[in-house]
Amino acid sequence: MERLKARIYRPAKTAMQSGRGNTKKWTIQFEAAAAKGHDPLMGWISSADTQGQVRLRFDTREEAIAFARKHNMDYELREPVERVIRPKSYADNFRWNRVS
């Protein structure tokens, strides 16, 4: 039997939201074991593999890794890119030497 392959990551903020609400938890997403096929009658894309639809969320990275190890999965860990905050002053918008 083939081992499950999973990706462990913390989701990034989407471009459609201003907040960071769904970016705090770690996610396990399984890789698709079977290819997706085209249904000739309806034109839908389908797959017999249901693991590709499953996403599990964990509070910490360690919990997600422990889950993957407990269930004997191969996993790839992707570290999040931390946000860089550059402090700005509102008065800088009106500086005399400001470059446009």
PDB file of N, CA and C in Angstrom:
ATOM      1  N   MET A   1       0.840  -1.192   0.000  1.00  0.00           N
ATOM      2  CA  MET A   1       0.000   0.000   0.000  1.00  0.00           C
ATOM      3  C   MET A   1       0.878   1.246   0.000  1.00  0.00           C
ATOM      4  N   GLU A   2       0.501   2.188  -0.793  1.00  0.00           N
ATOM      5  CA  GLU A   2       1.272   3.421  -0.922  1.00  0.00           C
ATOM      6  C   GLU A   2       0.986   4.359   0.241  1.00  0.00           C
ATOM      7  N   ARG A   3       2.037   5.006   0.725  1.00  0.00           N
ATOM      8  CA  ARG A   3       1.881   5.943   1.841  1.00  0.00           C
ATOM      9  C   ARG A   3       1.256   7.242   1.359  1.00  0.00           C
ATOM     10  N   LEU A   4       0.447   7.842   2.234  1.00  0.00           N
ATOM     11  CA  LEU A   4      -0.155   9.136   1.920  1.00  0.00           C
ATOM     12  C   LEU A   4       0.912  10.218   1.922  1.00  0.00           C
ATOM     13  N   LYS A   5       0.776  11.153   1.020  1.00  0.00           N
ATOM     14  CA  LYS A   5       1.673  12.298   0.970  1.00  0.00           C
ATOM     15  C   LYS A   5       0.868  13.530   1.352  1.00  0.00           C
ATOM     16  N   ALA A   6       1.446  14.355   2.208  1.00  0.00           N
ATOM     17  CA  ALA A   6       0.726  15.530   2.687  1.00  0.00           C
ATOM     18  C   ALA A   6       1.639  16.741   2.689  1.00  0.00           C
ATOM     19  N   ARG A   7       1.010  17.897   2.670  1.00  0.00           N
ATOM     20  CA  ARG A   7       1.716  19.165   2.746  1.00  0.00           C
ATOM     21  C   ARG A   7       1.242  19.857   4.027  1.00  0.00           C
ATOM     22  N   ILE A   8       2.176  20.298   4.856  1.00  0.00           N
ATOM     23  CA  ILE A   8       1.846  21.012   6.088  1.00  0.00           C
ATOM     24  C   ILE A   8       2.285  22.454   5.903  1.00  0.00           C
ATOM     25  N   TYR A   9       1.345  23.381   6.088  1.00  0.00           N
ATOM     26  CA  TYR A   9       1.654  24.795   5.871  1.00  0.00           C
ATOM     27  C   TYR A   9       0.697  25.668   6.678  1.00  0.00           C
ATOM     28  N   ARG A  10       1.024  26.924   6.788  1.00  0.00           N
ATOM     29  CA  ARG A  10       0.129  27.915   7.373  1.00  0.00           C
ATOM     30  C   ARG A  10      -0.331  28.814   6.234  1.00  0.00           C
ATOM     31  N   PRO A  11      -1.646  28.895   5.962  1.00  0.00           N
ATOM     32  CA  PRO A  11      -2.128  29.634   4.797  1.00  0.00           C
ATOM     33  C   PRO A  11      -1.765  31.114   4.844  1.00  0.00           C
ATOM     34  N   ALA A  12      -1.532  31.675   3.688  1.00  0.00           N
ATOM     35  CA  ALA A  12      -1.234  33.104   3.567  1.00  0.00           C
ATOM     36  C   ALA A  12      -2.537  33.882   3.476  1.00  0.00           C
ATOM     37  N   LYS A  13      -2.456  35.150   3.717  1.00  0.00           N
ATOM     38  CA  LYS A  13      -3.610  36.036   3.589  1.00  0.00           C
ATOM     39  C   LYS A  13      -3.972  36.151   2.111  1.00  0.00           C
ATOM     40  N   THR A  14      -5.244  36.033   1.804  1.00  0.00           N
ATOM     41  CA  THR A  14      -5.650  36.158   0.411  1.00  0.00           C
ATOM     42  C   THR A  14      -5.728  37.628   0.018  1.00  0.00           C
ATOM     43  N   ALA A  15      -5.710  37.891  -1.252  1.00  0.00           N
ATOM     44  CA  ALA A  15      -5.767  39.264  -1.730  1.00  0.00           C
ATOM     45  C   ALA A  15      -7.161  39.865  -1.574  1.00  0.00           C
ATOM     46  N   MET A  16      -8.160  39.038  -1.336  1.00  0.00           N
ATOM     47  CA  MET A  16      -9.534  39.508  -1.250  1.00  0.00           C
ATOM     48  C   MET A  16      -9.950  39.915   0.159  1.00  0.00           C
ATOM     49  N   GLN A  17      -9.059  39.808   1.115  1.00  0.00           N
ATOM     50  CA  GLN A  17      -9.424  40.184   2.476  1.00  0.00           C
ATOM     51  C   GLN A  17      -8.382  41.129   3.036  1.00  0.00           C
ATOM     52  N   SER A  18      -8.799  41.979   3.951  1.00  0.00           N
ATOM     53  CA  SER A  18      -7.857  42.913   4.538  1.00  0.00           C
ATOM     54  C   SER A  18      -7.292  42.367   5.847  1.00  0.00           C
ATOM     55  N   GLY A  19      -8.003  41.455   6.496  1.00  0.00           N
ATOM     56  CA  GLY A  19      -7.543  40.898   7.758  1.00  0.00           C
ATOM     57  C   GLY A  19      -6.756  39.620   7.561  1.00  0.00           C
ATOM     58  N   ARG A  20      -6.255  39.099   8.672  1.00  0.00           N
ATOM     59  CA  ARG A  20      -5.472  37.858   8.624  1.00  0.00           C
ATOM     60  C   ARG A  20      -6.174  36.767   9.424  1.00  0.00           C
ATOM     61  N   GLY A  21      -7.495  36.653   9.288  1.00  0.00           N
ATOM     62  CA  GLY A  21      -8.306  35.765  10.106  1.00  0.00           C
ATOM     63  C   GLY A  21      -7.991  34.296   9.960  1.00  0.00           C
ATOM     64  N   ASN A  22      -7.805  33.775   8.774  1.00  0.00           N
ATOM     65  CA  ASN A  22      -7.593  32.342   8.570  1.00  0.00           C
ATOM     66  C   ASN A  22      -6.125  31.981   8.392  1.00  0.00           C
ATOM     67  N   THR A  23      -5.239  32.795   8.915  1.00  0.00           N
ATOM     68  CA  THR A  23      -3.816  32.549   8.700  1.00  0.00           C
ATOM     69  C   THR A  23      -3.095  32.076   9.958  1.00  0.00           C
ATOM     70  N   LYS A  24      -3.802  31.843  11.031  1.00  0.00           N
ATOM     71  CA  LYS A  24      -3.154  31.509  12.294  1.00  0.00           C
ATOM     72  C   LYS A  24      -2.949  30.005  12.490  1.00  0.00           C
ATOM     73  N   LYS A  25      -3.809  29.185  11.900  1.00  0.00           N
ATOM     74  CA  LYS A  25      -3.739  27.737  12.113  1.00  0.00           C
ATOM     75  C   LYS A  25      -2.922  27.062  11.013  1.00  0.00           C
ATOM     76  N   TRP A  26      -2.354  25.914  11.364  1.00  0.00           N
ATOM     77  CA  TRP A  26      -1.581  25.111  10.416  1.00  0.00           C
ATOM     78  C   TRP A  26      -2.522  24.136   9.723  1.00  0.00           C
ATOM     79  N   THR A  27      -2.271  23.858   8.464  1.00  0.00           N
ATOM     80  CA  THR A  27      -3.147  23.029   7.643  1.00  0.00           C
ATOM     81  C   THR A  27      -2.374  21.848   7.073  1.00  0.00           C
ATOM     82  N   ILE A  28      -3.035  20.683   7.086  1.00  0.00           N
ATOM     83  CA  ILE A  28      -2.525  19.512   6.366  1.00  0.00           C
ATOM     84  C   ILE A  28      -3.420  19.312   5.159  1.00  0.00           C
ATOM     85  N   GLN A  29      -2.812  19.281   3.991  1.00  0.00           N
ATOM     86  CA  GLN A  29      -3.546  19.045   2.747  1.00  0.00           C
ATOM     87  C   GLN A  29      -2.911  17.843   2.064  1.00  0.00           C
ATOM     88  N   PHE A  30      -3.726  16.872   1.690  1.00  0.00           N
ATOM     89  CA  PHE A  30      -3.231  15.650   1.074  1.00  0.00           C
ATOM     90  C   PHE A  30      -3.059  15.838  -0.420  1.00  0.00           C
ATOM     91  N   GLU A  31      -2.032  15.211  -0.962  1.00  0.00           N
ATOM     92  CA  GLU A  31      -1.830  15.236  -2.413  1.00  0.00           C
ATOM     93  C   GLU A  31      -2.760  14.231  -3.067  1.00  0.00           C
ATOM     94  N   ALA A  32      -3.198  14.542  -4.251  1.00  0.00           N
ATOM     95  CA  ALA A  32      -4.115  13.658  -4.972  1.00  0.00           C
ATOM     96  C   ALA A  32      -3.384  12.391  -5.397  1.00  0.00           C
ATOM     97  N   ALA A  33      -3.993  11.245  -5.095  1.00  0.00           N
ATOM     98  CA  ALA A  33      -3.391   9.960  -5.456  1.00  0.00           C
ATOM     99  C   ALA A  33      -3.800   9.536  -6.861  1.00  0.00           C
ATOM    100  N   ALA A  34      -4.926  10.036  -7.326  1.00  0.00           N
ATOM    101  CA  ALA A  34      -5.413   9.680  -8.661  1.00  0.00           C
ATOM    102  C   ALA A  34      -5.603  10.954  -9.484  1.00  0.00           C
ATOM    103  N   ALA A  35      -5.439  10.804 -10.774  1.00  0.00           N
ATOM    104  CA  ALA A  35      -5.615  11.945 -11.672  1.00  0.00           C
ATOM    105  C   ALA A  35      -7.093  12.284 -11.822  1.00  0.00           C
ATOM    106  N   LYS A  36      -7.365  13.542 -12.084  1.00  0.00           N
ATOM    107  CA  LYS A  36      -8.742  13.968 -12.316  1.00  0.00           C
ATOM    108  C   LYS A  36      -9.119  13.677 -13.759  1.00  0.00           C
ATOM    109  N   GLY A  37     -10.378  13.323 -13.941  1.00  0.00           N
ATOM    110  CA  GLY A  37     -10.853  12.986 -15.280  1.00  0.00           C
ATOM    111  C   GLY A  37     -11.997  13.878 -15.703  1.00  0.00           C
ATOM    112  N   HIS A  38     -12.287  13.862 -16.975  1.00  0.00           N
ATOM    113  CA  HIS A  38     -13.336  14.682 -17.560  1.00  0.00           C
ATOM    114  C   HIS A  38     -14.554  13.798 -17.810  1.00  0.00           C
ATOM    115  N   ASP A  39     -15.711  14.204 -17.297  1.00  0.00           N
ATOM    116  CA  ASP A  39     -16.947  13.465 -17.529  1.00  0.00           C
ATOM    117  C   ASP A  39     -17.512  13.869 -18.890  1.00  0.00           C
ATOM    118  N   PRO A  40     -17.663  12.941 -19.830  1.00  0.00           N
ATOM    119  CA  PRO A  40     -18.082  13.320 -21.177  1.00  0.00           C
ATOM    120  C   PRO A  40     -19.548  13.780 -21.263  1.00  0.00           C
ATOM    121  N   LEU A  41     -20.406  13.299 -20.364  1.00  0.00           N
ATOM    122  CA  LEU A  41     -21.816  13.655 -20.440  1.00  0.00           C
ATOM    123  C   LEU A  41     -22.084  15.063 -19.904  1.00  0.00           C
ATOM    124  N   MET A  42     -21.622  15.339 -18.679  1.00  0.00           N
ATOM    125  CA  MET A  42     -21.921  16.615 -18.038  1.00  0.00           C
ATOM    126  C   MET A  42     -20.817  17.655 -18.217  1.00  0.00           C
ATOM    127  N   GLY A  43     -19.611  17.185 -18.538  1.00  0.00           N
ATOM    128  CA  GLY A  43     -18.507  18.107 -18.712  1.00  0.00           C
ATOM    129  C   GLY A  43     -17.813  18.484 -17.419  1.00  0.00           C
ATOM    130  N   TRP A  44     -18.133  17.782 -16.324  1.00  0.00           N
ATOM    131  CA  TRP A  44     -17.535  18.079 -15.029  1.00  0.00           C
ATOM    132  C   TRP A  44     -16.177  17.417 -14.901  1.00  0.00           C
ATOM    133  N   ILE A  45     -15.354  17.971 -14.040  1.00  0.00           N
ATOM    134  CA  ILE A  45     -14.081  17.356 -13.688  1.00  0.00           C
ATOM    135  C   ILE A  45     -14.319  16.545 -12.424  1.00  0.00           C
ATOM    136  N   SER A  46     -13.873  15.285 -12.433  1.00  0.00           N
ATOM    137  CA  SER A  46     -14.116  14.431 -11.276  1.00  0.00           C
ATOM    138  C   SER A  46     -12.889  13.592 -10.971  1.00  0.00           C
ATOM    139  N   SER A  47     -12.917  12.999  -9.781  1.00  0.00           N
ATOM    140  CA  SER A  47     -11.829  12.138  -9.352  1.00  0.00           C
ATOM    141  C   SER A  47     -12.382  11.099  -8.394  1.00  0.00           C
ATOM    142  N   ALA A  48     -11.790   9.921  -8.390  1.00  0.00           N
ATOM    143  CA  ALA A  48     -12.198   8.872  -7.462  1.00  0.00           C
ATOM    144  C   ALA A  48     -11.486   9.024  -6.121  1.00  0.00           C
ATOM    145  N   ASP A  49     -10.531   9.916  -6.049  1.00  0.00           N
ATOM    146  CA  ASP A  49      -9.753  10.116  -4.830  1.00  0.00           C
ATOM    147  C   ASP A  49     -10.399  11.195  -3.965  1.00  0.00           C
ATOM    148  N   THR A  50     -10.877  10.821  -2.784  1.00  0.00           N
ATOM    149  CA  THR A  50     -11.520  11.791  -1.893  1.00  0.00           C
ATOM    150  C   THR A  50     -10.532  12.459  -0.950  1.00  0.00           C
ATOM    151  N   GLN A  51      -9.325  11.945  -0.843  1.00  0.00           N
ATOM    152  CA  GLN A  51      -8.335  12.543   0.061  1.00  0.00           C
ATOM    153  C   GLN A  51      -7.924  13.938  -0.400  1.00  0.00           C
ATOM    154  N   GLY A  52      -8.019  14.213  -1.688  1.00  0.00           N
ATOM    155  CA  GLY A  52      -7.655  15.521  -2.197  1.00  0.00           C
ATOM    156  C   GLY A  52      -8.595  16.629  -1.747  1.00  0.00           C
ATOM    157  N   GLN A  53      -9.759  16.262  -1.224  1.00  0.00           N
ATOM    158  CA  GLN A  53     -10.733  17.242  -0.758  1.00  0.00           C
ATOM    159  C   GLN A  53     -10.579  17.548   0.732  1.00  0.00           C
ATOM    160  N   VAL A  54      -9.778  16.759   1.429  1.00  0.00           N
ATOM    161  CA  VAL A  54      -9.676  16.873   2.883  1.00  0.00           C
ATOM    162  C   VAL A  54      -8.579  17.854   3.272  1.00  0.00           C
ATOM    163  N   ARG A  55      -8.914  18.776   4.176  1.00  0.00           N
ATOM    164  CA  ARG A  55      -7.944  19.682   4.779  1.00  0.00           C
ATOM    165  C   ARG A  55      -8.171  19.672   6.276  1.00  0.00           C
ATOM    166  N   LEU A  56      -7.127  19.367   7.014  1.00  0.00           N
ATOM    167  CA  LEU A  56      -7.212  19.345   8.471  1.00  0.00           C
ATOM    168  C   LEU A  56      -6.477  20.548   9.028  1.00  0.00           C
ATOM    169  N   ARG A  57      -7.021  21.150  10.085  1.00  0.00           N
ATOM    170  CA  ARG A  57      -6.398  22.328  10.690  1.00  0.00           C
ATOM    171  C   ARG A  57      -5.965  22.023  12.110  1.00  0.00           C
ATOM    172  N   PHE A  58      -4.791  22.566  12.462  1.00  0.00           N
ATOM    173  CA  PHE A  58      -4.216  22.365  13.781  1.00  0.00           C
ATOM    174  C   PHE A  58      -3.762  23.705  14.338  1.00  0.00           C
ATOM    175  N   ASP A  59      -3.751  23.814  15.668  1.00  0.00           N
ATOM    176  CA  ASP A  59      -3.336  25.062  16.315  1.00  0.00           C
ATOM    177  C   ASP A  59      -1.842  25.321  16.177  1.00  0.00           C
ATOM    178  N   THR A  60      -1.036  24.259  16.224  1.00  0.00           N
ATOM    179  CA  THR A  60       0.420  24.428  16.155  1.00  0.00           C
ATOM    180  C   THR A  60       1.016  23.532  15.084  1.00  0.00           C
ATOM    181  N   ARG A  61       2.224  23.869  14.681  1.00  0.00           N
ATOM    182  CA  ARG A  61       2.954  23.073  13.696  1.00  0.00           C
ATOM    183  C   ARG A  61       3.282  21.700  14.266  1.00  0.00           C
ATOM    184  N   GLU A  62       3.624  21.654  15.562  1.00  0.00           N
ATOM    185  CA  GLU A  62       3.991  20.391  16.201  1.00  0.00           C
ATOM    186  C   GLU A  62       2.824  19.407  16.209  1.00  0.00           C
ATOM    187  N   GLU A  63       1.599  19.908  16.412  1.00  0.00           N
ATOM    188  CA  GLU A  63       0.421  19.034  16.384  1.00  0.00           C
ATOM    189  C   GLU A  63       0.220  18.446  14.989  1.00  0.00           C
ATOM    190  N   ALA A  64       0.418  19.241  13.966  1.00  0.00           N
ATOM    191  CA  ALA A  64       0.247  18.765  12.586  1.00  0.00           C
ATOM    192  C   ALA A  64       1.299  17.717  12.247  1.00  0.00           C
ATOM    193  N   ILE A  65       2.538  17.957  12.654  1.00  0.00           N
ATOM    194  CA  ILE A  65       3.606  16.982  12.387  1.00  0.00           C
ATOM    195  C   ILE A  65       3.361  15.690  13.155  1.00  0.00           C
ATOM    196  N   ALA A  66       2.914  15.802  14.408  1.00  0.00           N
ATOM    197  CA  ALA A  66       2.623  14.604  15.210  1.00  0.00           C
ATOM    198  C   ALA A  66       1.499  13.789  14.570  1.00  0.00           C
ATOM    199  N   PHE A  67       0.485  14.456  14.023  1.00  0.00           N
ATOM    200  CA  PHE A  67      -0.602  13.752  13.347  1.00  0.00           C
ATOM    201  C   PHE A  67      -0.084  12.993  12.126  1.00  0.00           C
ATOM    202  N   ALA A  68       0.755  13.652  11.335  1.00  0.00           N
ATOM    203  CA  ALA A  68       1.295  13.009  10.135  1.00  0.00           C
ATOM    204  C   ALA A  68       2.170  11.812  10.490  1.00  0.00           C
ATOM    205  N   ARG A  69       2.965  11.938  11.525  1.00  0.00           N
ATOM    206  CA  ARG A  69       3.822  10.818  11.934  1.00  0.00           C
ATOM    207  C   ARG A  69       3.006   9.675  12.514  1.00  0.00           C
ATOM    208  N   LYS A  70       1.978  10.001  13.283  1.00  0.00           N
ATOM    209  CA  LYS A  70       1.132   8.979  13.889  1.00  0.00           C
ATOM    210  C   LYS A  70       0.431   8.137  12.831  1.00  0.00           C
ATOM    211  N   HIS A  71       0.036   8.786  11.733  1.00  0.00           N
ATOM    212  CA  HIS A  71      -0.668   8.082  10.664  1.00  0.00           C
ATOM    213  C   HIS A  71       0.265   7.635   9.539  1.00  0.00           C
ATOM    214  N   ASN A  72       1.578   7.665   9.804  1.00  0.00           N
ATOM    215  CA  ASN A  72       2.587   7.121   8.888  1.00  0.00           C
ATOM    216  C   ASN A  72       2.513   7.774   7.502  1.00  0.00           C
ATOM    217  N   MET A  73       2.504   9.102   7.483  1.00  0.00           N
ATOM    218  CA  MET A  73       2.433   9.849   6.226  1.00  0.00           C
ATOM    219  C   MET A  73       3.787  10.445   5.886  1.00  0.00           C
ATOM    220  N   ASP A  74       4.053  10.546   4.593  1.00  0.00           N
ATOM    221  CA  ASP A  74       5.173  11.360   4.128  1.00  0.00           C
ATOM    222  C   ASP A  74       4.656  12.789   4.059  1.00  0.00           C
ATOM    223  N   TYR A  75       5.404  13.732   4.603  1.00  0.00           N
ATOM    224  CA  TYR A  75       4.922  15.112   4.596  1.00  0.00           C
ATOM    225  C   TYR A  75       6.016  16.071   4.195  1.00  0.00           C
ATOM    226  N   GLU A  76       5.579  17.195   3.664  1.00  0.00           N
ATOM    227  CA  GLU A  76       6.473  18.289   3.290  1.00  0.00           C
ATOM    228  C   GLU A  76       6.055  19.486   4.130  1.00  0.00           C
ATOM    229  N   LEU A  77       6.989  20.054   4.861  1.00  0.00           N
ATOM    230  CA  LEU A  77       6.704  21.178   5.740  1.00  0.00           C
ATOM    231  C   LEU A  77       7.109  22.470   5.044  1.00  0.00           C
ATOM    232  N   ARG A  78       6.169  23.403   4.927  1.00  0.00           N
ATOM    233  CA  ARG A  78       6.449  24.709   4.327  1.00  0.00           C
ATOM    234  C   ARG A  78       6.331  25.772   5.405  1.00  0.00           C
ATOM    235  N   GLU A  79       7.432  26.418   5.688  1.00  0.00           N
ATOM    236  CA  GLU A  79       7.451  27.475   6.698  1.00  0.00           C
ATOM    237  C   GLU A  79       6.810  28.737   6.123  1.00  0.00           C
ATOM    238  N   PRO A  80       6.048  29.460   6.935  1.00  0.00           N
ATOM    239  CA  PRO A  80       5.424  30.691   6.434  1.00  0.00           C
ATOM    240  C   PRO A  80       6.441  31.816   6.300  1.00  0.00           C
ATOM    241  N   VAL A  81       6.182  32.703   5.369  1.00  0.00           N
ATOM    242  CA  VAL A  81       7.015  33.888   5.197  1.00  0.00           C
ATOM    243  C   VAL A  81       6.419  34.966   6.102  1.00  0.00           C
ATOM    244  N   GLU A  82       7.220  35.435   7.048  1.00  0.00           N
ATOM    245  CA  GLU A  82       6.717  36.412   8.002  1.00  0.00           C
ATOM    246  C   GLU A  82       6.552  37.778   7.353  1.00  0.00           C
ATOM    247  N   ARG A  83       5.546  38.474   7.781  1.00  0.00           N
ATOM    248  CA  ARG A  83       5.215  39.791   7.255  1.00  0.00           C
ATOM    249  C   ARG A  83       6.201  40.833   7.773  1.00  0.00           C
ATOM    250  N   VAL A  84       6.681  41.682   6.885  1.00  0.00           N
ATOM    251  CA  VAL A  84       7.602  42.751   7.259  1.00  0.00           C
ATOM    252  C   VAL A  84       6.803  44.048   7.332  1.00  0.00           C
ATOM    253  N   ILE A  85       6.806  44.667   8.498  1.00  0.00           N
ATOM    254  CA  ILE A  85       6.079  45.919   8.676  1.00  0.00           C
ATOM    255  C   ILE A  85       7.082  47.059   8.659  1.00  0.00           C
ATOM    256  N   ARG A  86       6.898  47.970   7.710  1.00  0.00           N
ATOM    257  CA  ARG A  86       7.762  49.134   7.616  1.00  0.00           C
ATOM    258  C   ARG A  86       7.032  50.321   8.217  1.00  0.00           C
ATOM    259  N   PRO A  87       7.500  50.846   9.345  1.00  0.00           N
ATOM    260  CA  PRO A  87       6.788  51.974   9.959  1.00  0.00           C
ATOM    261  C   PRO A  87       6.858  53.213   9.069  1.00  0.00           C
ATOM    262  N   LYS A  88       5.728  53.879   8.954  1.00  0.00           N
ATOM    263  CA  LYS A  88       5.628  55.073   8.127  1.00  0.00           C
ATOM    264  C   LYS A  88       4.952  56.170   8.930  1.00  0.00           C
ATOM    265  N   SER A  89       5.215  57.357   8.564  1.00  0.00           N
ATOM    266  CA  SER A  89       4.589  58.509   9.193  1.00  0.00           C
ATOM    267  C   SER A  89       3.682  59.191   8.174  1.00  0.00           C
ATOM    268  N   TYR A  90       2.528  59.633   8.628  1.00  0.00           N
ATOM    269  CA  TYR A  90       1.611  60.334   7.741  1.00  0.00           C
ATOM    270  C   TYR A  90       2.237  61.631   7.236  1.00  0.00           C
ATOM    271  N   ALA A  91       3.070  62.253   8.061  1.00  0.00           N
ATOM    272  CA  ALA A  91       3.713  63.515   7.676  1.00  0.00           C
ATOM    273  C   ALA A  91       4.678  63.327   6.509  1.00  0.00           C
ATOM    274  N   ASP A  92       5.189  62.099   6.314  1.00  0.00           N
ATOM    275  CA  ASP A  92       6.098  61.850   5.194  1.00  0.00           C
ATOM    276  C   ASP A  92       5.423  62.077   3.840  1.00  0.00           C
ATOM    277  N   ASN A  93       4.102  62.003   3.786  1.00  0.00           N
ATOM    278  CA  ASN A  93       3.390  62.260   2.525  1.00  0.00           C
ATOM    279  C   ASN A  93       3.528  63.708   2.064  1.00  0.00           C
ATOM    280  N   PHE A  94       3.882  64.613   2.978  1.00  0.00           N
ATOM    281  CA  PHE A  94       3.928  66.042   2.672  1.00  0.00           C
ATOM    282  C   PHE A  94       5.334  66.634   2.779  1.00  0.00           C
ATOM    283  N   ARG A  95       6.349  65.758   2.747  1.00  0.00           N
ATOM    284  CA  ARG A  95       7.727  66.253   2.806  1.00  0.00           C
ATOM    285  C   ARG A  95       8.049  67.071   1.578  1.00  0.00           C
ATOM    286  N   TRP A  96       8.906  68.061   1.726  1.00  0.00           N
ATOM    287  CA  TRP A  96       9.278  68.891   0.591  1.00  0.00           C
ATOM    288  C   TRP A  96      10.202  68.164  -0.370  1.00  0.00           C
ATOM    289  N   ASN A  97      10.982  67.165   0.116  1.00  0.00           N
ATOM    290  CA  ASN A  97      11.917  66.442  -0.757  1.00  0.00           C
ATOM    291  C   ASN A  97      11.388  65.060  -1.145  1.00  0.00           C
ATOM    292  N   ARG A  98      10.108  64.891  -1.104  1.00  0.00           N
ATOM    293  CA  ARG A  98       9.499  63.600  -1.438  1.00  0.00           C
ATOM    294  C   ARG A  98       9.631  63.287  -2.929  1.00  0.00           C
ATOM    295  N   VAL A  99       9.992  62.044  -3.251  1.00  0.00           N
ATOM    296  CA  VAL A  99      10.115  61.623  -4.645  1.00  0.00           C
ATOM    297  C   VAL A  99       8.770  61.053  -5.077  1.00  0.00           C
ATOM    298  N   SER A 100       8.227  61.544  -6.180  1.00  0.00           N
ATOM    299  CA  SER A 100       6.902  61.090  -6.636  1.00  0.00           C
ATOM    300  C   SER A 100       6.989  59.805  -7.373  1.00  0.00           C
TER     301      SER A 100
END
